[in-house]
Amino acid sequence: MATIRVQGLNSFDEDRKLSLNNGDIIIAIANRISISHFMVSSYRGEVKREPYSVRPKSTRSYCCLIDLATGYPAFEEPCSRNTTLKRILSHLAKAPCSNNLYAPDDIIQLKNNEYAVMITPTKEEEHGTD
């Protein structure tokens, strides 16, 4: 992905409350540069791998962040939908899919009605007219 520079970030407040809903976009910021992009989705723990006490009983309470560069969850554990900036940064700093040199120091949250998606194919496909 191309580098995105972010202007006008709010002052850093690690106790800032966040409410994560399906379809929200999370942009991880390090040194005022966008380094990772995630979409909030329902958390679906694998029944065989997780003890019952860890498995969420409802996807209304827990979510996961899908890395938009890979299509895979950014981290394995469930993330509370009502959380703080500090907790999200802690999750992202430990994310195994992170190939960034810097851990994120802030995020931008775009609610699912605050952005538009533009899809551009990266290569030409031949489509027959038959």
N, C-alpha and C. Protein backbone atom coordinates (compact mmCIF):
# COMPACT_ATOMS: atom_id res chain seq x y z
N MET A 1 0.83 -1.17 0.00
CA MET A 1 0.00 0.00 0.00
C MET A 1 0.87 1.23 0.00
N ALA A 2 0.35 2.30 -0.59
CA ALA A 2 1.08 3.56 -0.64
C ALA A 2 1.11 4.18 0.75
N THR A 3 2.15 4.97 1.00
CA THR A 3 2.27 5.67 2.28
C THR A 3 1.21 6.75 2.36
N ILE A 4 0.55 6.82 3.49
CA ILE A 4 -0.46 7.84 3.72
C ILE A 4 0.02 8.69 4.88
N ARG A 5 0.20 9.98 4.67
CA ARG A 5 0.59 10.88 5.76
C ARG A 5 -0.68 11.44 6.38
N VAL A 6 -0.70 11.51 7.69
CA VAL A 6 -1.89 11.93 8.41
C VAL A 6 -1.65 13.29 9.04
N GLN A 7 -2.51 14.25 8.73
CA GLN A 7 -2.42 15.59 9.28
C GLN A 7 -3.48 15.78 10.35
N GLY A 8 -3.21 16.63 11.32
CA GLY A 8 -4.21 17.03 12.29
C GLY A 8 -4.68 15.95 13.23
N LEU A 9 -3.78 15.09 13.71
CA LEU A 9 -4.17 14.08 14.69
C LEU A 9 -4.52 14.76 16.01
N ASN A 10 -5.48 14.18 16.70
CA ASN A 10 -5.83 14.67 18.03
C ASN A 10 -4.67 14.41 18.98
N SER A 11 -4.66 15.14 20.09
CA SER A 11 -3.63 14.86 21.08
C SER A 11 -3.80 13.43 21.58
N PHE A 12 -2.68 12.81 21.90
CA PHE A 12 -2.67 11.41 22.28
C PHE A 12 -3.34 11.23 23.64
N ASP A 13 -4.31 10.33 23.72
CA ASP A 13 -5.00 10.00 24.96
C ASP A 13 -5.19 8.50 24.99
N GLU A 14 -4.33 7.78 25.72
CA GLU A 14 -4.38 6.32 25.70
C GLU A 14 -5.62 5.76 26.37
N ASP A 15 -6.33 6.56 27.13
CA ASP A 15 -7.58 6.12 27.76
C ASP A 15 -8.81 6.48 26.94
N ARG A 16 -8.59 6.97 25.72
CA ARG A 16 -9.70 7.32 24.83
C ARG A 16 -10.57 6.10 24.60
N LYS A 17 -11.86 6.23 24.80
CA LYS A 17 -12.80 5.12 24.65
C LYS A 17 -13.09 4.89 23.17
N LEU A 18 -13.16 3.61 22.79
CA LEU A 18 -13.47 3.22 21.42
C LEU A 18 -14.62 2.23 21.45
N SER A 19 -15.51 2.36 20.51
CA SER A 19 -16.59 1.40 20.34
C SER A 19 -16.45 0.83 18.93
N LEU A 20 -16.08 -0.44 18.83
CA LEU A 20 -15.79 -1.06 17.54
C LEU A 20 -17.00 -1.80 17.01
N ASN A 21 -17.39 -1.48 15.78
CA ASN A 21 -18.52 -2.13 15.13
C ASN A 21 -18.05 -2.76 13.83
N ASN A 22 -18.73 -3.84 13.41
CA ASN A 22 -18.38 -4.49 12.15
C ASN A 22 -18.36 -3.47 11.01
N GLY A 23 -17.33 -3.55 10.20
CA GLY A 23 -17.19 -2.66 9.05
C GLY A 23 -16.37 -1.42 9.33
N ASP A 24 -16.07 -1.12 10.60
CA ASP A 24 -15.23 0.04 10.90
C ASP A 24 -13.82 -0.23 10.38
N ILE A 25 -13.15 0.83 9.95
CA ILE A 25 -11.76 0.74 9.51
C ILE A 25 -10.88 1.34 10.60
N ILE A 26 -9.82 0.62 10.95
CA ILE A 26 -8.84 1.10 11.91
C ILE A 26 -7.54 1.32 11.14
N ILE A 27 -7.02 2.54 11.21
CA ILE A 27 -5.75 2.87 10.57
C ILE A 27 -4.72 3.05 11.68
N ALA A 28 -3.70 2.20 11.68
CA ALA A 28 -2.64 2.29 12.69
C ALA A 28 -1.62 3.33 12.23
N ILE A 29 -1.24 4.20 13.15
CA ILE A 29 -0.35 5.33 12.86
C ILE A 29 0.93 5.18 13.66
N ALA A 30 2.07 5.41 13.01
CA ALA A 30 3.36 5.47 13.70
C ALA A 30 4.11 6.67 13.14
N ASN A 31 4.52 7.57 14.01
CA ASN A 31 5.24 8.77 13.59
C ASN A 31 4.47 9.55 12.53
N ARG A 32 3.15 9.63 12.70
CA ARG A 32 2.24 10.38 11.81
C ARG A 32 2.13 9.78 10.41
N ILE A 33 2.53 8.51 10.25
CA ILE A 33 2.41 7.84 8.95
C ILE A 33 1.55 6.61 9.14
N SER A 34 0.63 6.39 8.20
CA SER A 34 -0.22 5.21 8.23
C SER A 34 0.65 3.98 7.93
N ILE A 35 0.61 2.99 8.86
CA ILE A 35 1.45 1.81 8.66
C ILE A 35 0.65 0.53 8.44
N SER A 36 -0.60 0.48 8.92
CA SER A 36 -1.42 -0.72 8.76
C SER A 36 -2.89 -0.31 8.72
N HIS A 37 -3.68 -1.17 8.06
CA HIS A 37 -5.10 -0.90 7.90
C HIS A 37 -5.88 -2.17 8.25
N PHE A 38 -6.92 -2.02 9.05
CA PHE A 38 -7.68 -3.16 9.53
C PHE A 38 -9.17 -2.89 9.39
N MET A 39 -9.94 -3.96 9.26
CA MET A 39 -11.40 -3.86 9.29
C MET A 39 -11.90 -4.67 10.47
N VAL A 40 -12.86 -4.09 11.20
CA VAL A 40 -13.45 -4.78 12.35
C VAL A 40 -14.45 -5.81 11.86
N SER A 41 -14.36 -7.01 12.41
CA SER A 41 -15.27 -8.10 12.05
C SER A 41 -15.62 -8.88 13.31
N SER A 42 -16.65 -9.70 13.23
CA SER A 42 -17.03 -10.53 14.38
C SER A 42 -15.93 -11.52 14.69
N TYR A 43 -15.70 -11.75 15.98
CA TYR A 43 -14.71 -12.73 16.40
C TYR A 43 -15.36 -14.11 16.42
N ARG A 44 -14.72 -15.04 15.78
CA ARG A 44 -15.23 -16.42 15.77
C ARG A 44 -14.08 -17.32 16.18
N GLY A 45 -14.00 -17.62 17.46
CA GLY A 45 -12.94 -18.48 17.98
C GLY A 45 -13.13 -19.90 17.52
N GLU A 46 -12.03 -20.59 17.35
CA GLU A 46 -12.09 -21.99 16.94
C GLU A 46 -12.37 -22.85 18.17
N VAL A 47 -13.45 -23.58 18.14
CA VAL A 47 -13.93 -24.32 19.30
C VAL A 47 -12.90 -25.31 19.82
N LYS A 48 -12.21 -26.01 18.97
CA LYS A 48 -11.28 -27.06 19.40
C LYS A 48 -10.01 -26.49 20.03
N ARG A 49 -9.63 -25.27 19.64
CA ARG A 49 -8.37 -24.72 20.11
C ARG A 49 -8.49 -23.91 21.40
N GLU A 50 -9.65 -23.38 21.69
CA GLU A 50 -9.77 -22.48 22.81
C GLU A 50 -10.56 -23.09 23.95
N PRO A 51 -10.10 -22.88 25.18
CA PRO A 51 -10.90 -23.37 26.31
C PRO A 51 -12.22 -22.61 26.39
N TYR A 52 -13.21 -23.24 26.98
CA TYR A 52 -14.55 -22.65 27.03
C TYR A 52 -14.55 -21.28 27.67
N SER A 53 -13.71 -21.06 28.67
CA SER A 53 -13.69 -19.78 29.38
C SER A 53 -13.23 -18.63 28.49
N VAL A 54 -12.47 -18.93 27.43
CA VAL A 54 -11.96 -17.88 26.54
C VAL A 54 -12.92 -17.62 25.39
N ARG A 55 -13.63 -18.65 24.97
CA ARG A 55 -14.53 -18.52 23.83
C ARG A 55 -15.63 -17.50 24.09
N PRO A 56 -15.80 -16.52 23.23
CA PRO A 56 -16.88 -15.56 23.45
C PRO A 56 -18.23 -16.23 23.24
N LYS A 57 -19.16 -15.89 24.08
CA LYS A 57 -20.50 -16.46 23.96
C LYS A 57 -21.33 -15.69 22.95
N SER A 58 -20.91 -14.49 22.62
CA SER A 58 -21.67 -13.67 21.69
C SER A 58 -20.73 -12.79 20.91
N THR A 59 -20.96 -12.68 19.61
CA THR A 59 -20.12 -11.80 18.80
C THR A 59 -20.50 -10.34 19.02
N ARG A 60 -21.54 -10.08 19.80
CA ARG A 60 -21.89 -8.69 20.13
C ARG A 60 -20.87 -8.08 21.08
N SER A 61 -20.18 -8.88 21.86
CA SER A 61 -19.24 -8.37 22.86
C SER A 61 -17.80 -8.36 22.37
N TYR A 62 -17.46 -9.23 21.40
CA TYR A 62 -16.08 -9.37 20.96
C TYR A 62 -15.97 -9.22 19.45
N CYS A 63 -14.78 -8.79 19.03
CA CYS A 63 -14.53 -8.65 17.59
C CYS A 63 -13.07 -9.01 17.32
N CYS A 64 -12.69 -8.99 16.06
CA CYS A 64 -11.30 -9.14 15.67
C CYS A 64 -11.00 -8.10 14.60
N LEU A 65 -9.73 -7.85 14.39
CA LEU A 65 -9.31 -6.91 13.35
C LEU A 65 -8.71 -7.70 12.20
N ILE A 66 -9.25 -7.51 11.02
CA ILE A 66 -8.76 -8.19 9.82
C ILE A 66 -7.76 -7.26 9.14
N ASP A 67 -6.54 -7.75 8.93
CA ASP A 67 -5.51 -6.97 8.24
C ASP A 67 -5.92 -6.86 6.77
N LEU A 68 -6.11 -5.66 6.27
CA LEU A 68 -6.57 -5.47 4.90
C LEU A 68 -5.50 -5.82 3.86
N ALA A 69 -4.24 -5.88 4.27
CA ALA A 69 -3.17 -6.25 3.33
C ALA A 69 -3.13 -7.76 3.11
N THR A 70 -3.51 -8.54 4.14
CA THR A 70 -3.40 -10.00 4.04
C THR A 70 -4.74 -10.72 4.02
N GLY A 71 -5.77 -10.11 4.60
CA GLY A 71 -7.06 -10.76 4.71
C GLY A 71 -7.18 -11.68 5.91
N TYR A 72 -6.15 -11.73 6.75
CA TYR A 72 -6.14 -12.59 7.93
C TYR A 72 -6.33 -11.76 9.20
N PRO A 73 -6.82 -12.40 10.27
CA PRO A 73 -6.93 -11.68 11.54
C PRO A 73 -5.55 -11.18 11.98
N ALA A 74 -5.51 -9.98 12.54
CA ALA A 74 -4.25 -9.38 12.96
C ALA A 74 -3.67 -10.08 14.18
N PHE A 75 -4.53 -10.63 15.04
CA PHE A 75 -4.08 -11.35 16.23
C PHE A 75 -5.14 -12.37 16.59
N GLU A 76 -4.77 -13.36 17.37
CA GLU A 76 -5.64 -14.50 17.64
C GLU A 76 -6.69 -14.28 18.72
N GLU A 77 -6.38 -13.48 19.73
CA GLU A 77 -7.31 -13.36 20.84
C GLU A 77 -8.47 -12.42 20.51
N PRO A 78 -9.61 -12.60 21.19
CA PRO A 78 -10.74 -11.72 20.95
C PRO A 78 -10.45 -10.32 21.49
N CYS A 79 -11.06 -9.34 20.90
CA CYS A 79 -10.91 -7.95 21.29
C CYS A 79 -12.29 -7.44 21.70
N SER A 80 -12.38 -6.82 22.85
CA SER A 80 -13.66 -6.29 23.31
C SER A 80 -14.10 -5.17 22.37
N ARG A 81 -15.39 -5.13 22.07
CA ARG A 81 -15.91 -4.07 21.20
C ARG A 81 -15.90 -2.71 21.89
N ASN A 82 -16.04 -2.68 23.21
CA ASN A 82 -15.96 -1.45 23.98
C ASN A 82 -14.62 -1.46 24.70
N THR A 83 -13.68 -0.69 24.19
CA THR A 83 -12.30 -0.79 24.64
C THR A 83 -11.67 0.60 24.69
N THR A 84 -10.36 0.63 24.87
CA THR A 84 -9.63 1.90 24.89
C THR A 84 -8.51 1.86 23.86
N LEU A 85 -8.00 3.02 23.55
CA LEU A 85 -6.89 3.13 22.61
C LEU A 85 -5.70 2.31 23.11
N LYS A 86 -5.41 2.40 24.40
CA LYS A 86 -4.27 1.67 24.98
C LYS A 86 -4.38 0.18 24.71
N ARG A 87 -5.56 -0.39 24.86
CA ARG A 87 -5.76 -1.83 24.66
C ARG A 87 -5.58 -2.22 23.18
N ILE A 88 -6.11 -1.41 22.28
CA ILE A 88 -5.95 -1.69 20.84
C ILE A 88 -4.47 -1.62 20.45
N LEU A 89 -3.76 -0.60 20.94
CA LEU A 89 -2.33 -0.48 20.62
C LEU A 89 -1.55 -1.67 21.17
N SER A 90 -1.96 -2.17 22.34
CA SER A 90 -1.31 -3.35 22.91
C SER A 90 -1.52 -4.57 22.01
N HIS A 91 -2.75 -4.74 21.52
CA HIS A 91 -3.03 -5.86 20.60
C HIS A 91 -2.18 -5.72 19.33
N LEU A 92 -2.16 -4.54 18.75
CA LEU A 92 -1.46 -4.34 17.47
C LEU A 92 0.05 -4.46 17.60
N ALA A 93 0.60 -4.07 18.74
CA ALA A 93 2.05 -4.17 18.93
C ALA A 93 2.50 -5.63 18.96
N LYS A 94 1.61 -6.54 19.39
CA LYS A 94 1.94 -7.96 19.47
C LYS A 94 1.52 -8.73 18.22
N ALA A 95 0.91 -8.05 17.27
CA ALA A 95 0.35 -8.74 16.10
C ALA A 95 1.45 -9.43 15.30
N PRO A 96 1.33 -10.75 15.07
CA PRO A 96 2.36 -11.47 14.32
C PRO A 96 2.39 -11.09 12.84
N CYS A 97 1.28 -10.56 12.32
CA CYS A 97 1.25 -10.22 10.89
C CYS A 97 1.92 -8.88 10.63
N SER A 98 2.27 -8.15 11.69
CA SER A 98 2.85 -6.83 11.52
C SER A 98 4.26 -6.95 10.94
N ASN A 99 4.47 -6.35 9.78
CA ASN A 99 5.79 -6.35 9.16
C ASN A 99 6.37 -4.94 9.17
N ASN A 100 5.93 -4.15 10.11
CA ASN A 100 6.36 -2.77 10.20
C ASN A 100 7.57 -2.63 11.11
N LEU A 101 8.35 -1.61 10.85
CA LEU A 101 9.52 -1.35 11.67
C LEU A 101 9.14 -0.70 12.99
N TYR A 102 8.00 -0.02 13.03
CA TYR A 102 7.59 0.72 14.21
C TYR A 102 6.26 0.19 14.72
N ALA A 103 6.12 0.14 16.03
CA ALA A 103 4.83 -0.20 16.62
C ALA A 103 3.93 1.03 16.49
N PRO A 104 2.65 0.84 16.30
CA PRO A 104 1.75 1.99 16.18
C PRO A 104 1.70 2.79 17.47
N ASP A 105 1.56 4.12 17.34
CA ASP A 105 1.44 4.96 18.52
C ASP A 105 0.09 5.67 18.60
N ASP A 106 -0.74 5.49 17.59
CA ASP A 106 -2.09 6.04 17.60
C ASP A 106 -2.90 5.33 16.52
N ILE A 107 -4.19 5.51 16.55
CA ILE A 107 -5.04 4.96 15.49
C ILE A 107 -6.07 5.99 15.09
N ILE A 108 -6.59 5.81 13.90
CA ILE A 108 -7.74 6.56 13.42
C ILE A 108 -8.84 5.53 13.20
N GLN A 109 -10.01 5.81 13.72
CA GLN A 109 -11.14 4.91 13.53
C GLN A 109 -12.14 5.58 12.61
N LEU A 110 -12.47 4.90 11.51
CA LEU A 110 -13.48 5.38 10.58
C LEU A 110 -14.70 4.47 10.70
N LYS A 111 -15.82 5.03 11.13
CA LYS A 111 -17.06 4.26 11.23
C LYS A 111 -17.49 3.84 9.83
N ASN A 112 -18.30 2.77 9.75
CA ASN A 112 -18.61 2.20 8.44
C ASN A 112 -19.41 3.12 7.53
N ASN A 113 -19.88 4.27 8.01
CA ASN A 113 -20.54 5.24 7.13
C ASN A 113 -19.66 6.46 6.88
N GLU A 114 -18.39 6.40 7.28
CA GLU A 114 -17.49 7.54 7.14
C GLU A 114 -16.40 7.33 6.08
N TYR A 115 -16.51 6.29 5.28
CA TYR A 115 -15.51 6.06 4.25
C TYR A 115 -16.16 5.41 3.04
N ALA A 116 -15.45 5.46 1.92
CA ALA A 116 -15.88 4.79 0.69
C ALA A 116 -14.73 3.90 0.23
N VAL A 117 -15.06 2.79 -0.35
CA VAL A 117 -14.05 1.85 -0.84
C VAL A 117 -14.00 1.93 -2.36
N MET A 118 -12.79 2.08 -2.90
CA MET A 118 -12.61 2.08 -4.34
C MET A 118 -11.71 0.89 -4.67
N ILE A 119 -12.19 0.01 -5.50
CA ILE A 119 -11.42 -1.19 -5.85
C ILE A 119 -10.84 -1.01 -7.24
N THR A 120 -9.53 -1.18 -7.35
CA THR A 120 -8.83 -1.07 -8.62
C THR A 120 -8.07 -2.36 -8.85
N PRO A 121 -8.38 -3.11 -9.92
CA PRO A 121 -7.63 -4.34 -10.19
C PRO A 121 -6.15 -4.02 -10.41
N THR A 122 -5.28 -4.89 -9.91
CA THR A 122 -3.85 -4.66 -10.06
C THR A 122 -3.29 -5.26 -11.34
N LYS A 123 -4.07 -6.13 -11.98
CA LYS A 123 -3.63 -6.66 -13.26
C LYS A 123 -4.85 -6.87 -14.16
N GLU A 124 -4.61 -6.81 -15.42
CA GLU A 124 -5.69 -6.99 -16.39
C GLU A 124 -6.02 -8.47 -16.53
N GLU A 125 -7.26 -8.80 -16.48
CA GLU A 125 -7.72 -10.16 -16.71
C GLU A 125 -8.38 -10.21 -18.07
N GLU A 126 -8.16 -11.29 -18.78
CA GLU A 126 -8.84 -11.46 -20.07
C GLU A 126 -10.17 -12.10 -19.81
N HIS A 127 -11.22 -11.43 -20.25
CA HIS A 127 -12.56 -11.96 -20.10
C HIS A 127 -13.12 -12.25 -21.49
N GLY A 128 -13.50 -13.48 -21.69
CA GLY A 128 -14.04 -13.85 -22.99
C GLY A 128 -15.43 -13.27 -23.19
N THR A 129 -15.81 -13.07 -24.42
CA THR A 129 -17.14 -12.56 -24.73
C THR A 129 -18.06 -13.66 -25.18
N ASP A 130 -17.56 -14.91 -25.15
CA ASP A 130 -18.38 -16.03 -25.60
C ASP A 130 -19.45 -16.37 -24.59
